[in-house]
């Protein structure tokens, strides 16, 4: 089977390609990535010379390029996205272009070439937040930020193409990912970078916003399962049931780096900041047999050590 993976030079996409090349020796993968600020070919360095792998620099909104690449593959997996909430609050233009228009371009190509499957990688943020309980795949979408609204719009396009054209659509919605090779705009690598420079770390509000933390390798394994065993037209939540406040994450990081808590600086909260993300992942566990394999304790410790040893994060 030949795969077109969009956004494969990013954090999650690059880990997914690495996993697939290892798990499926006969597969071939084309990685289409625009190489924006968050894309880094260094993330793909260990398999760049693999004969089963090809990199193409380009934009998923480029219809001609996408059509040409789509004609060469059996499935599309769309990881490409603008994802940083703070950036979407400043200007949502690129988020709409990539996350909505780019998804539409990919769907049209998949429809034209009658692909075996199209998998949209989405986020738990499309559900909005909740103080208690958990969102399942049937929960209504209530995105809070321009970013999550653009991802929800992409999801809706996928479901519309499923109903209208009968396309073999799959959607995954994951919780917060952590692991190596993440661009340092996200909380953990961003804080490590600042602490390495001797600076304080800015924690929004009171730091009590809650996120569920999923190791990126477990996420890659889950997407592999959904691609091969998921039911067409279905949505699968992927979470680890590892809920921690942002303050707890920061304190854990300071402890591992042997730094005092006075390195924390509480700052004005982000507009519309979601209180708690929480998804029910029982569907993928019961139907596909997936479950997290990396404990947060182990994964967090190894990740921090990797960033501390890296020349830059």
C-alpha atoms as a PDB file:
ATOM      1  CA  UNK A   1       0.000   0.000   0.000  1.00  0.00           C
ATOM      2  CA  UNK A   2       1.179   3.535  -0.743  1.00  0.00           C
ATOM      3  CA  UNK A   3       0.311   6.402   1.594  1.00  0.00           C
ATOM      4  CA  UNK A   4       0.235  10.163   1.178  1.00  0.00           C
ATOM      5  CA  UNK A   5       0.936  11.661   4.614  1.00  0.00           C
ATOM      6  CA  UNK A   6       0.422  15.416   4.755  1.00  0.00           C
ATOM      7  CA  UNK A   7       2.258  17.407   7.414  1.00  0.00           C
ATOM      8  CA  UNK A   8       4.715  14.562   7.850  1.00  0.00           C
ATOM      9  CA  UNK A   9       7.609  16.814   8.852  1.00  0.00           C
ATOM     10  CA  UNK A  10       5.710  17.991  11.906  1.00  0.00           C
ATOM     11  CA  UNK A  11       5.726  16.538  15.396  1.00  0.00           C
ATOM     12  CA  UNK A  12       2.959  13.933  15.157  1.00  0.00           C
ATOM     13  CA  UNK A  13       3.246  13.255  11.430  1.00  0.00           C
ATOM     14  CA  UNK A  14       6.965  12.464  11.574  1.00  0.00           C
ATOM     15  CA  UNK A  15       6.441  10.027  14.448  1.00  0.00           C
ATOM     16  CA  UNK A  16       3.617   8.359  12.513  1.00  0.00           C
ATOM     17  CA  UNK A  17       5.796   7.881   9.419  1.00  0.00           C
ATOM     18  CA  UNK A  18       8.564   6.404  11.564  1.00  0.00           C
ATOM     19  CA  UNK A  19       6.093   3.993  13.114  1.00  0.00           C
ATOM     20  CA  UNK A  20       4.600   2.946   9.780  1.00  0.00           C
ATOM     21  CA  UNK A  21       7.956   2.305   8.110  1.00  0.00           C
ATOM     22  CA  UNK A  22       8.878   0.076  11.023  1.00  0.00           C
ATOM     23  CA  UNK A  23       5.538  -1.707  11.325  1.00  0.00           C
ATOM     24  CA  UNK A  24       4.803  -2.213   7.617  1.00  0.00           C
ATOM     25  CA  UNK A  25       7.973  -3.040   5.639  1.00  0.00           C
ATOM     26  CA  UNK A  26       6.168  -3.212   2.288  1.00  0.00           C
ATOM     27  CA  UNK A  27       4.444   0.176   2.533  1.00  0.00           C
ATOM     28  CA  UNK A  28       5.633   3.231   0.646  1.00  0.00           C
ATOM     29  CA  UNK A  29       5.074   6.746   1.962  1.00  0.00           C
ATOM     30  CA  UNK A  30       5.018  10.177   0.328  1.00  0.00           C
ATOM     31  CA  UNK A  31       5.391  12.995   2.846  1.00  0.00           C
ATOM     32  CA  UNK A  32       3.880  16.296   1.665  1.00  0.00           C
ATOM     33  CA  UNK A  33       4.814  19.193   3.917  1.00  0.00           C
ATOM     34  CA  UNK A  34       4.914  22.944   3.398  1.00  0.00           C
ATOM     35  CA  UNK A  35       7.750  23.285   5.931  1.00  0.00           C
ATOM     36  CA  UNK A  36       6.238  26.191   7.800  1.00  0.00           C
ATOM     37  CA  UNK A  37       7.907  27.301  11.028  1.00  0.00           C
ATOM     38  CA  UNK A  38       6.707  24.118  12.800  1.00  0.00           C
ATOM     39  CA  UNK A  39       7.830  21.726  10.061  1.00  0.00           C
ATOM     40  CA  UNK A  40      11.356  20.370  10.304  1.00  0.00           C
ATOM     41  CA  UNK A  41      13.010  17.844   8.005  1.00  0.00           C
ATOM     42  CA  UNK A  42      15.313  17.019  10.884  1.00  0.00           C
ATOM     43  CA  UNK A  43      12.334  15.223  12.420  1.00  0.00           C
ATOM     44  CA  UNK A  44      12.540  12.779   9.499  1.00  0.00           C
ATOM     45  CA  UNK A  45      16.323  12.501   9.393  1.00  0.00           C
ATOM     46  CA  UNK A  46      16.610   8.915  10.583  1.00  0.00           C
ATOM     47  CA  UNK A  47      14.500   7.582   7.692  1.00  0.00           C
ATOM     48  CA  UNK A  48      15.140  10.220   5.016  1.00  0.00           C
ATOM     49  CA  UNK A  49      17.300   7.799   3.036  1.00  0.00           C
ATOM     50  CA  UNK A  50      14.804   4.934   3.131  1.00  0.00           C
ATOM     51  CA  UNK A  51      13.884   3.865  -0.414  1.00  0.00           C
ATOM     52  CA  UNK A  52      10.253   3.469   0.674  1.00  0.00           C
ATOM     53  CA  UNK A  53      10.022   7.120   1.687  1.00  0.00           C
ATOM     54  CA  UNK A  54       9.761  10.277  -0.423  1.00  0.00           C
ATOM     55  CA  UNK A  55       9.531  13.894   0.676  1.00  0.00           C
ATOM     56  CA  UNK A  56       7.724  16.551  -1.363  1.00  0.00           C
ATOM     57  CA  UNK A  57       7.690  20.183  -0.310  1.00  0.00           C
ATOM     58  CA  UNK A  58       4.332  21.740  -1.008  1.00  0.00           C
ATOM     59  CA  UNK A  59       1.038  23.108   0.267  1.00  0.00           C
ATOM     60  CA  UNK A  60      -2.125  21.031   0.670  1.00  0.00           C
ATOM     61  CA  UNK A  61      -4.076  23.933  -0.859  1.00  0.00           C
ATOM     62  CA  UNK A  62      -2.128  23.466  -4.126  1.00  0.00           C
ATOM     63  CA  UNK A  63      -4.748  21.572  -6.144  1.00  0.00           C
ATOM     64  CA  UNK A  64      -2.491  20.519  -9.001  1.00  0.00           C
ATOM     65  CA  UNK A  65       0.238  19.209  -6.737  1.00  0.00           C
ATOM     66  CA  UNK A  66      -2.203  17.380  -4.472  1.00  0.00           C
ATOM     67  CA  UNK A  67      -3.984  15.830  -7.450  1.00  0.00           C
ATOM     68  CA  UNK A  68      -0.693  14.608  -8.907  1.00  0.00           C
ATOM     69  CA  UNK A  69       0.417  13.033  -5.627  1.00  0.00           C
ATOM     70  CA  UNK A  70      -3.027  11.602  -4.929  1.00  0.00           C
ATOM     71  CA  UNK A  71      -2.933   9.788  -8.264  1.00  0.00           C
ATOM     72  CA  UNK A  72       0.106   7.838  -7.020  1.00  0.00           C
ATOM     73  CA  UNK A  73      -1.264   6.552  -3.701  1.00  0.00           C
ATOM     74  CA  UNK A  74      -3.967   4.364  -2.177  1.00  0.00           C
ATOM     75  CA  UNK A  75      -4.823   6.412   0.916  1.00  0.00           C
ATOM     76  CA  UNK A  76      -4.419   9.915   2.341  1.00  0.00           C
ATOM     77  CA  UNK A  77      -3.762  10.690   5.997  1.00  0.00           C
ATOM     78  CA  UNK A  78      -4.078  14.388   6.770  1.00  0.00           C
ATOM     79  CA  UNK A  79      -1.855  15.563   9.628  1.00  0.00           C
ATOM     80  CA  UNK A  80      -1.231  18.990   8.066  1.00  0.00           C
ATOM     81  CA  UNK A  81      -2.661  21.779  10.192  1.00  0.00           C
ATOM     82  CA  UNK A  82      -2.067  25.109  11.799  1.00  0.00           C
ATOM     83  CA  UNK A  83      -2.412  24.181  15.476  1.00  0.00           C
ATOM     84  CA  UNK A  84      -1.219  26.879  17.860  1.00  0.00           C
ATOM     85  CA  UNK A  85      -4.213  28.399  19.647  1.00  0.00           C
ATOM     86  CA  UNK A  86      -2.442  31.651  20.556  1.00  0.00           C
ATOM     87  CA  UNK A  87      -1.575  32.235  16.895  1.00  0.00           C
ATOM     88  CA  UNK A  88      -5.179  31.613  15.859  1.00  0.00           C
ATOM     89  CA  UNK A  89      -6.342  34.244  18.332  1.00  0.00           C
ATOM     90  CA  UNK A  90      -3.965  36.780  16.783  1.00  0.00           C
ATOM     91  CA  UNK A  91      -4.976  35.958  13.180  1.00  0.00           C
ATOM     92  CA  UNK A  92      -7.078  33.006  12.045  1.00  0.00           C
ATOM     93  CA  UNK A  93      -6.533  33.441   8.292  1.00  0.00           C
ATOM     94  CA  UNK A  94      -3.924  30.701   7.844  1.00  0.00           C
ATOM     95  CA  UNK A  95      -5.948  28.363  10.047  1.00  0.00           C
ATOM     96  CA  UNK A  96      -8.962  28.648   7.768  1.00  0.00           C
ATOM     97  CA  UNK A  97      -6.842  28.271   4.648  1.00  0.00           C
ATOM     98  CA  UNK A  98      -4.983  25.162   5.828  1.00  0.00           C
ATOM     99  CA  UNK A  99      -7.417  23.430   8.151  1.00  0.00           C
ATOM    100  CA  UNK A 100     -10.557  24.045   6.088  1.00  0.00           C
ATOM    101  CA  UNK A 101      -9.613  24.803   2.491  1.00  0.00           C
ATOM    102  CA  UNK A 102      -6.678  22.392   2.559  1.00  0.00           C
ATOM    103  CA  UNK A 103      -8.934  19.619   3.832  1.00  0.00           C
ATOM    104  CA  UNK A 104     -11.392  20.301   1.005  1.00  0.00           C
ATOM    105  CA  UNK A 105      -8.601  20.039  -1.581  1.00  0.00           C
ATOM    106  CA  UNK A 106      -7.486  16.696  -0.145  1.00  0.00           C
ATOM    107  CA  UNK A 107     -11.046  15.365  -0.048  1.00  0.00           C
ATOM    108  CA  UNK A 108     -11.613  16.282  -3.683  1.00  0.00           C
ATOM    109  CA  UNK A 109      -8.421  14.471  -4.671  1.00  0.00           C
ATOM    110  CA  UNK A 110      -9.363  11.392  -2.650  1.00  0.00           C
ATOM    111  CA  UNK A 111     -12.815  11.389  -4.251  1.00  0.00           C
ATOM    112  CA  UNK A 112     -11.434  11.744  -7.772  1.00  0.00           C
ATOM    113  CA  UNK A 113      -8.909   8.934  -7.405  1.00  0.00           C
ATOM    114  CA  UNK A 114     -11.265   6.661  -5.447  1.00  0.00           C
ATOM    115  CA  UNK A 115      -8.857   6.067  -2.598  1.00  0.00           C
ATOM    116  CA  UNK A 116      -9.250   3.088  -0.320  1.00  0.00           C
ATOM    117  CA  UNK A 117      -9.357   5.345   2.727  1.00  0.00           C
ATOM    118  CA  UNK A 118      -9.062   8.963   3.817  1.00  0.00           C
ATOM    119  CA  UNK A 119      -8.101   9.590   7.448  1.00  0.00           C
ATOM    120  CA  UNK A 120      -8.458  13.025   9.034  1.00  0.00           C
ATOM    121  CA  UNK A 121      -6.328  13.616  12.137  1.00  0.00           C
ATOM    122  CA  UNK A 122      -8.284  15.959  14.389  1.00  0.00           C
ATOM    123  CA  UNK A 123      -8.307  17.097  18.017  1.00  0.00           C
ATOM    124  CA  UNK A 124     -10.327  16.817  21.210  1.00  0.00           C
ATOM    125  CA  UNK A 125     -10.522  20.614  21.198  1.00  0.00           C
ATOM    126  CA  UNK A 126     -13.428  20.485  18.730  1.00  0.00           C
ATOM    127  CA  UNK A 127     -15.670  19.400  21.632  1.00  0.00           C
ATOM    128  CA  UNK A 128     -14.853  22.459  23.699  1.00  0.00           C
ATOM    129  CA  UNK A 129     -14.348  22.123  27.429  1.00  0.00           C
ATOM    130  CA  UNK A 130     -16.210  20.564  30.336  1.00  0.00           C
ATOM    131  CA  UNK A 131     -15.898  20.768  34.110  1.00  0.00           C
ATOM    132  CA  UNK A 132     -16.986  17.162  34.596  1.00  0.00           C
ATOM    133  CA  UNK A 133     -17.689  14.073  32.531  1.00  0.00           C
ATOM    134  CA  UNK A 134     -16.187  13.034  29.205  1.00  0.00           C
ATOM    135  CA  UNK A 135     -16.910  13.679  25.552  1.00  0.00           C
ATOM    136  CA  UNK A 136     -17.605  10.680  23.335  1.00  0.00           C
ATOM    137  CA  UNK A 137     -17.719  10.535  19.549  1.00  0.00           C
ATOM    138  CA  UNK A 138     -21.414  11.494  19.526  1.00  0.00           C
ATOM    139  CA  UNK A 139     -20.946  14.642  21.628  1.00  0.00           C
ATOM    140  CA  UNK A 140     -21.821  17.953  19.958  1.00  0.00           C
ATOM    141  CA  UNK A 141     -18.970  20.146  18.771  1.00  0.00           C
ATOM    142  CA  UNK A 142     -18.491  23.427  20.654  1.00  0.00           C
ATOM    143  CA  UNK A 143     -15.060  24.761  19.677  1.00  0.00           C
ATOM    144  CA  UNK A 144     -13.789  27.688  21.727  1.00  0.00           C
ATOM    145  CA  UNK A 145     -10.939  29.110  19.627  1.00  0.00           C
ATOM    146  CA  UNK A 146     -10.489  29.963  15.946  1.00  0.00           C
ATOM    147  CA  UNK A 147      -8.077  27.010  15.792  1.00  0.00           C
ATOM    148  CA  UNK A 148     -10.529  24.443  17.150  1.00  0.00           C
ATOM    149  CA  UNK A 149     -13.334  25.945  15.052  1.00  0.00           C
ATOM    150  CA  UNK A 150     -11.246  25.450  11.900  1.00  0.00           C
ATOM    151  CA  UNK A 151     -10.545  21.837  12.866  1.00  0.00           C
ATOM    152  CA  UNK A 152     -14.249  21.248  13.551  1.00  0.00           C
ATOM    153  CA  UNK A 153     -15.045  22.673  10.117  1.00  0.00           C
ATOM    154  CA  UNK A 154     -12.579  20.248   8.533  1.00  0.00           C
ATOM    155  CA  UNK A 155     -14.221  17.365  10.378  1.00  0.00           C
ATOM    156  CA  UNK A 156     -17.651  18.443   9.170  1.00  0.00           C
ATOM    157  CA  UNK A 157     -16.418  18.538   5.587  1.00  0.00           C
ATOM    158  CA  UNK A 158     -15.136  14.983   5.949  1.00  0.00           C
ATOM    159  CA  UNK A 159     -18.455  13.750   7.300  1.00  0.00           C
ATOM    160  CA  UNK A 160     -20.334  15.590   4.552  1.00  0.00           C
ATOM    161  CA  UNK A 161     -18.181  13.947   1.884  1.00  0.00           C
ATOM    162  CA  UNK A 162     -18.880  10.604   3.544  1.00  0.00           C
ATOM    163  CA  UNK A 163     -22.656  11.100   3.381  1.00  0.00           C
ATOM    164  CA  UNK A 164     -22.818  12.790  -0.006  1.00  0.00           C
ATOM    165  CA  UNK A 165     -20.288  10.708  -1.923  1.00  0.00           C
ATOM    166  CA  UNK A 166     -20.020   7.571   0.201  1.00  0.00           C
ATOM    167  CA  UNK A 167     -16.292   8.121   0.650  1.00  0.00           C
ATOM    168  CA  UNK A 168     -14.312   5.850   3.020  1.00  0.00           C
ATOM    169  CA  UNK A 169     -13.730   8.561   5.612  1.00  0.00           C
ATOM    170  CA  UNK A 170     -12.178   8.052   9.051  1.00  0.00           C
ATOM    171  CA  UNK A 171     -11.637  10.724  11.719  1.00  0.00           C
ATOM    172  CA  UNK A 172      -9.460  10.528  14.837  1.00  0.00           C
ATOM    173  CA  UNK A 173      -9.596  13.055  17.671  1.00  0.00           C
ATOM    174  CA  UNK A 174      -6.686  12.997  20.085  1.00  0.00           C
ATOM    175  CA  UNK A 175      -5.883  14.619  23.396  1.00  0.00           C
ATOM    176  CA  UNK A 176      -2.703  16.645  24.056  1.00  0.00           C
ATOM    177  CA  UNK A 177       0.350  14.864  22.633  1.00  0.00           C
ATOM    178  CA  UNK A 178       3.788  14.889  24.220  1.00  0.00           C
ATOM    179  CA  UNK A 179       7.100  13.398  23.169  1.00  0.00           C
ATOM    180  CA  UNK A 180      10.309  14.236  21.328  1.00  0.00           C
ATOM    181  CA  UNK A 181      10.695  16.498  18.275  1.00  0.00           C
ATOM    182  CA  UNK A 182       7.843  18.854  19.194  1.00  0.00           C
ATOM    183  CA  UNK A 183       8.184  22.472  18.086  1.00  0.00           C
ATOM    184  CA  UNK A 184       8.786  24.682  21.147  1.00  0.00           C
ATOM    185  CA  UNK A 185       5.575  26.678  20.969  1.00  0.00           C
ATOM    186  CA  UNK A 186       3.790  23.944  22.899  1.00  0.00           C
ATOM    187  CA  UNK A 187       3.803  23.992  26.681  1.00  0.00           C
ATOM    188  CA  UNK A 188       6.421  21.405  27.658  1.00  0.00           C
ATOM    189  CA  UNK A 189       9.198  22.081  25.106  1.00  0.00           C
ATOM    190  CA  UNK A 190       8.512  25.821  25.344  1.00  0.00           C
ATOM    191  CA  UNK A 191       8.994  25.763  29.100  1.00  0.00           C
ATOM    192  CA  UNK A 192      12.118  23.604  28.834  1.00  0.00           C
ATOM    193  CA  UNK A 193      13.618  26.055  26.353  1.00  0.00           C
ATOM    194  CA  UNK A 194      12.987  28.992  28.655  1.00  0.00           C
ATOM    195  CA  UNK A 195      14.281  27.178  31.738  1.00  0.00           C
ATOM    196  CA  UNK A 196      17.466  26.193  29.912  1.00  0.00           C
ATOM    197  CA  UNK A 197      18.013  29.894  29.251  1.00  0.00           C
ATOM    198  CA  UNK A 198      17.542  30.724  32.931  1.00  0.00           C
ATOM    199  CA  UNK A 199      14.192  32.427  32.318  1.00  0.00           C
ATOM    200  CA  UNK A 200      10.890  32.112  34.157  1.00  0.00           C
ATOM    201  CA  UNK A 201       7.997  30.178  32.628  1.00  0.00           C
ATOM    202  CA  UNK A 202       4.659  31.957  32.028  1.00  0.00           C
ATOM    203  CA  UNK A 203       1.680  29.989  33.345  1.00  0.00           C
ATOM    204  CA  UNK A 204      -1.713  31.256  32.194  1.00  0.00           C
ATOM    205  CA  UNK A 205      -4.161  32.329  34.923  1.00  0.00           C
ATOM    206  CA  UNK A 206      -4.027  30.098  37.985  1.00  0.00           C
ATOM    207  CA  UNK A 207      -2.580  27.170  36.024  1.00  0.00           C
ATOM    208  CA  UNK A 208      -5.516  24.908  36.870  1.00  0.00           C
ATOM    209  CA  UNK A 209      -6.613  24.243  33.287  1.00  0.00           C
ATOM    210  CA  UNK A 210      -6.665  20.475  32.768  1.00  0.00           C
ATOM    211  CA  UNK A 211      -5.419  18.458  29.787  1.00  0.00           C
ATOM    212  CA  UNK A 212      -5.204  14.729  29.092  1.00  0.00           C
ATOM    213  CA  UNK A 213      -1.671  13.818  27.996  1.00  0.00           C
ATOM    214  CA  UNK A 214      -1.106  11.169  25.303  1.00  0.00           C
ATOM    215  CA  UNK A 215       2.338   9.968  24.221  1.00  0.00           C
ATOM    216  CA  UNK A 216       2.873  10.623  20.523  1.00  0.00           C
ATOM    217  CA  UNK A 217       4.034   7.036  19.899  1.00  0.00           C
ATOM    218  CA  UNK A 218       0.810   5.661  21.366  1.00  0.00           C
ATOM    219  CA  UNK A 219      -1.046   8.104  19.127  1.00  0.00           C
ATOM    220  CA  UNK A 220       0.795   6.798  16.061  1.00  0.00           C
ATOM    221  CA  UNK A 221      -0.102   3.229  16.998  1.00  0.00           C
ATOM    222  CA  UNK A 222      -3.751   4.206  17.354  1.00  0.00           C
ATOM    223  CA  UNK A 223      -3.897   5.868  13.942  1.00  0.00           C
ATOM    224  CA  UNK A 224      -2.319   2.777  12.383  1.00  0.00           C
ATOM    225  CA  UNK A 225      -5.097   0.659  13.905  1.00  0.00           C
ATOM    226  CA  UNK A 226      -7.860   3.015  12.778  1.00  0.00           C
ATOM    227  CA  UNK A 227      -6.463   3.100   9.246  1.00  0.00           C
ATOM    228  CA  UNK A 228      -6.495  -0.678   8.945  1.00  0.00           C
ATOM    229  CA  UNK A 229      -9.345  -1.786  11.178  1.00  0.00           C
ATOM    230  CA  UNK A 230     -11.548   1.255  11.725  1.00  0.00           C
ATOM    231  CA  UNK A 231     -15.078   1.274  10.347  1.00  0.00           C
ATOM    232  CA  UNK A 232     -15.619   3.659   7.436  1.00  0.00           C
ATOM    233  CA  UNK A 233     -17.476   6.818   8.358  1.00  0.00           C
ATOM    234  CA  UNK A 234     -16.590   6.516  12.045  1.00  0.00           C
ATOM    235  CA  UNK A 235     -14.875   8.838  14.507  1.00  0.00           C
ATOM    236  CA  UNK A 236     -12.417   7.521  17.109  1.00  0.00           C
ATOM    237  CA  UNK A 237     -11.331   9.427  20.218  1.00  0.00           C
ATOM    238  CA  UNK A 238      -7.752   8.753  21.309  1.00  0.00           C
ATOM    239  CA  UNK A 239      -6.834   9.669  24.865  1.00  0.00           C
ATOM    240  CA  UNK A 240      -4.719   8.293  27.691  1.00  0.00           C
ATOM    241  CA  UNK A 241      -6.769   9.221  30.795  1.00  0.00           C
ATOM    242  CA  UNK A 242      -3.738  11.114  32.094  1.00  0.00           C
ATOM    243  CA  UNK A 243      -5.311  14.346  33.287  1.00  0.00           C
ATOM    244  CA  UNK A 244      -2.997  16.956  34.775  1.00  0.00           C
ATOM    245  CA  UNK A 245      -3.297  20.687  35.323  1.00  0.00           C
ATOM    246  CA  UNK A 246      -0.862  22.968  33.548  1.00  0.00           C
ATOM    247  CA  UNK A 247       0.512  23.886  36.967  1.00  0.00           C
ATOM    248  CA  UNK A 248       1.110  20.208  37.811  1.00  0.00           C
ATOM    249  CA  UNK A 249       2.961  19.726  34.529  1.00  0.00           C
ATOM    250  CA  UNK A 250       5.101  22.768  35.260  1.00  0.00           C
ATOM    251  CA  UNK A 251       5.885  21.619  38.797  1.00  0.00           C
ATOM    252  CA  UNK A 252       6.791  18.145  37.544  1.00  0.00           C
ATOM    253  CA  UNK A 253       9.125  19.706  34.993  1.00  0.00           C
ATOM    254  CA  UNK A 254      10.805  21.920  37.589  1.00  0.00           C
ATOM    255  CA  UNK A 255      11.277  18.944  39.886  1.00  0.00           C
ATOM    256  CA  UNK A 256      12.973  16.887  37.170  1.00  0.00           C
ATOM    257  CA  UNK A 257      15.233  19.818  36.322  1.00  0.00           C
ATOM    258  CA  UNK A 258      15.962  20.433  40.023  1.00  0.00           C
ATOM    259  CA  UNK A 259      14.706  24.019  39.835  1.00  0.00           C
ATOM    260  CA  UNK A 260      12.702  26.000  42.422  1.00  0.00           C
ATOM    261  CA  UNK A 261       9.039  26.889  41.944  1.00  0.00           C
ATOM    262  CA  UNK A 262       9.871  30.594  41.961  1.00  0.00           C
ATOM    263  CA  UNK A 263      10.719  30.060  38.285  1.00  0.00           C
ATOM    264  CA  UNK A 264       6.946  30.104  37.682  1.00  0.00           C
ATOM    265  CA  UNK A 265       5.414  33.401  36.624  1.00  0.00           C
ATOM    266  CA  UNK A 266       1.607  33.553  36.540  1.00  0.00           C
ATOM    267  CA  UNK A 267       0.418  35.709  33.650  1.00  0.00           C
ATOM    268  CA  UNK A 268      -2.892  37.015  32.319  1.00  0.00           C
ATOM    269  CA  UNK A 269      -5.046  34.164  31.118  1.00  0.00           C
ATOM    270  CA  UNK A 270      -5.569  33.479  27.417  1.00  0.00           C
ATOM    271  CA  UNK A 271      -8.895  34.721  25.963  1.00  0.00           C
ATOM    272  CA  UNK A 272     -11.499  31.948  25.949  1.00  0.00           C
ATOM    273  CA  UNK A 273      -9.094  29.529  27.644  1.00  0.00           C
ATOM    274  CA  UNK A 274     -10.717  26.079  27.892  1.00  0.00           C
ATOM    275  CA  UNK A 275     -10.948  24.759  31.433  1.00  0.00           C
ATOM    276  CA  UNK A 276     -10.716  21.015  30.841  1.00  0.00           C
ATOM    277  CA  UNK A 277     -10.485  18.696  27.855  1.00  0.00           C
ATOM    278  CA  UNK A 278     -11.658  15.166  28.535  1.00  0.00           C
ATOM    279  CA  UNK A 279     -12.503  12.471  26.015  1.00  0.00           C
ATOM    280  CA  UNK A 280     -13.857   8.955  26.368  1.00  0.00           C
ATOM    281  CA  UNK A 281     -11.583   6.570  24.432  1.00  0.00           C
ATOM    282  CA  UNK A 282     -13.520   3.396  25.199  1.00  0.00           C
ATOM    283  CA  UNK A 283     -14.672   3.007  21.575  1.00  0.00           C
ATOM    284  CA  UNK A 284     -11.200   2.519  20.096  1.00  0.00           C
ATOM    285  CA  UNK A 285     -10.236   0.322  23.041  1.00  0.00           C
ATOM    286  CA  UNK A 286     -13.262  -1.957  22.773  1.00  0.00           C
ATOM    287  CA  UNK A 287     -13.612  -2.097  18.982  1.00  0.00           C
ATOM    288  CA  UNK A 288      -9.960  -2.042  17.888  1.00  0.00           C
ATOM    289  CA  UNK A 289      -8.115  -3.273  20.968  1.00  0.00           C
ATOM    290  CA  UNK A 290      -5.942  -0.191  21.394  1.00  0.00           C
ATOM    291  CA  UNK A 291      -4.712   1.069  24.745  1.00  0.00           C
ATOM    292  CA  UNK A 292      -1.843   3.332  25.803  1.00  0.00           C
ATOM    293  CA  UNK A 293       1.425   1.454  26.265  1.00  0.00           C
ATOM    294  CA  UNK A 294       3.650   4.225  27.645  1.00  0.00           C
ATOM    295  CA  UNK A 295       2.998   5.406  31.190  1.00  0.00           C
ATOM    296  CA  UNK A 296       3.022   9.147  31.729  1.00  0.00           C
ATOM    297  CA  UNK A 297       5.680   8.798  34.415  1.00  0.00           C
ATOM    298  CA  UNK A 298       8.049   7.004  32.051  1.00  0.00           C
ATOM    299  CA  UNK A 299       7.200   8.974  28.924  1.00  0.00           C
ATOM    300  CA  UNK A 300       7.474  12.373  30.598  1.00  0.00           C
ATOM    301  CA  UNK A 301      10.838  11.597  32.146  1.00  0.00           C
ATOM    302  CA  UNK A 302      12.344  10.303  28.909  1.00  0.00           C
ATOM    303  CA  UNK A 303      10.961  13.251  26.953  1.00  0.00           C
ATOM    304  CA  UNK A 304      12.426  15.853  29.305  1.00  0.00           C
ATOM    305  CA  UNK A 305      15.823  14.157  29.189  1.00  0.00           C
ATOM    306  CA  UNK A 306      15.728  14.211  25.382  1.00  0.00           C
ATOM    307  CA  UNK A 307      15.012  17.948  25.297  1.00  0.00           C
ATOM    308  CA  UNK A 308      17.674  18.699  27.891  1.00  0.00           C
ATOM    309  CA  UNK A 309      20.287  16.830  25.848  1.00  0.00           C
ATOM    310  CA  UNK A 310      19.243  18.374  22.534  1.00  0.00           C
ATOM    311  CA  UNK A 311      21.314  21.297  21.296  1.00  0.00           C
ATOM    312  CA  UNK A 312      18.072  23.192  20.777  1.00  0.00           C
ATOM    313  CA  UNK A 313      14.385  22.425  21.138  1.00  0.00           C
END
